[in-house]
Amino acid sequence: DKPSGTGKLLRDIINKERKDLNDIPIDSIRKGEVVGDHKIIFDSDEDTLEITHKAKTRDIFAIGALRAAKFLVGKPKGLYSMKDVLKI
């Protein structure tokens, strides 16, 4: 998926907190065997702040899938997202 679900989730979290930011651009690049690199950049004329997340293996995604499966146990039929699982 392009942009990634993680990229969209990060954008949504920022949008929720900063309603004055109308359209946050997402740049998505798929390269070779990169498991998952995500970078949030806050840039102004005065300075730049970068927050980076790098997945080293795909294990973290399997852990998330298992967490989601455990979350669903006993839940009524419906549409859920990782936002529900992570309570964000």
Protein backbone atom coordinates (compact mmCIF):
# COMPACT_ATOMS: atom_id res chain seq x y z
CA ASP A 1 0.00 0.00 0.00
CA LYS A 2 1.17 3.47 -0.81
CA PRO A 3 1.28 5.47 1.37
CA SER A 4 1.63 2.89 4.10
CA GLY A 5 -0.97 2.32 6.77
CA THR A 6 1.58 3.53 9.30
CA GLY A 7 2.12 6.73 7.34
CA LYS A 8 -1.63 7.37 7.18
CA LEU A 9 -2.01 6.62 10.90
CA LEU A 10 0.77 9.06 11.82
CA ARG A 11 -0.85 11.73 9.64
CA ASP A 12 -4.23 11.13 11.29
CA ILE A 13 -2.74 11.41 14.78
CA ILE A 14 -1.09 14.73 13.90
CA ASN A 15 -4.28 16.01 12.24
CA LYS A 16 -6.28 15.13 15.36
CA GLU A 17 -4.00 17.24 17.55
CA ARG A 18 -3.33 20.07 15.10
CA LYS A 19 -6.54 20.98 13.32
CA ASP A 20 -4.83 24.09 11.91
CA LEU A 21 -2.73 21.86 9.64
CA ASN A 22 -5.08 21.23 6.75
CA ASP A 23 -3.18 18.95 4.42
CA ILE A 24 -0.14 17.05 5.60
CA PRO A 25 1.72 15.65 2.59
CA ILE A 26 2.89 12.04 2.70
CA ASP A 27 5.77 10.92 0.52
CA SER A 28 5.98 7.16 0.06
CA ILE A 29 8.98 5.36 -1.42
CA ARG A 30 9.23 1.56 -1.67
CA LYS A 31 12.86 0.40 -1.97
CA GLY A 32 14.21 -3.13 -2.19
CA GLU A 33 14.21 -5.14 1.01
CA VAL A 34 13.57 -2.24 3.40
CA VAL A 35 11.21 -3.63 6.06
CA GLY A 36 9.80 -0.32 7.21
CA ASP A 37 11.31 3.15 7.63
CA HIS A 38 9.06 6.01 8.67
CA LYS A 39 10.12 9.58 9.22
CA ILE A 40 8.06 12.53 10.39
CA ILE A 41 9.61 15.87 9.52
CA PHE A 42 8.48 19.16 11.03
CA ASP A 43 10.19 21.86 8.99
CA SER A 44 10.18 25.64 9.34
CA ASP A 45 12.34 28.51 8.19
CA GLU A 46 14.15 28.39 11.53
CA ASP A 47 14.73 24.67 12.18
CA THR A 48 13.84 21.07 11.40
CA LEU A 49 12.70 18.29 13.75
CA GLU A 50 12.80 14.69 12.51
CA ILE A 51 11.30 11.66 14.25
CA THR A 52 12.34 8.32 12.75
CA HIS A 53 11.03 4.76 13.18
CA LYS A 54 12.88 1.84 11.56
CA ALA A 55 11.47 -1.68 11.66
CA LYS A 56 14.44 -4.06 11.69
CA THR A 57 12.43 -7.22 11.01
CA ARG A 58 8.90 -8.10 10.00
CA ASP A 59 8.37 -9.61 13.48
CA ILE A 60 6.88 -6.36 14.76
CA PHE A 61 4.09 -6.61 12.18
CA ALA A 62 3.33 -10.20 13.24
CA ILE A 63 3.21 -9.03 16.87
CA GLY A 64 0.68 -6.36 15.84
CA ALA A 65 -1.43 -8.95 14.01
CA LEU A 66 -1.47 -11.21 17.08
CA ARG A 67 -2.39 -8.27 19.29
CA ALA A 68 -5.26 -7.44 16.94
CA ALA A 69 -6.46 -11.06 16.99
CA LYS A 70 -6.46 -11.09 20.81
CA PHE A 71 -8.37 -7.79 20.79
CA LEU A 72 -11.11 -9.31 18.62
CA VAL A 73 -11.79 -12.26 20.93
CA GLY A 74 -15.30 -11.83 22.35
CA LYS A 75 -16.01 -8.62 20.43
CA PRO A 76 -19.31 -8.28 18.57
CA LYS A 77 -19.31 -8.37 14.76
CA GLY A 78 -18.27 -5.03 13.35
CA LEU A 79 -15.59 -3.00 11.65
CA TYR A 80 -12.46 -2.43 13.73
CA SER A 81 -9.10 -0.86 12.94
CA MET A 82 -5.69 -0.79 14.57
CA LYS A 83 -6.78 2.51 16.11
CA ASP A 84 -9.26 0.48 18.15
CA VAL A 85 -6.62 -2.09 19.08
CA LEU A 86 -4.11 0.59 20.12
CA LYS A 87 -6.77 2.82 21.72
CA ILE A 88 -5.74 5.92 19.78
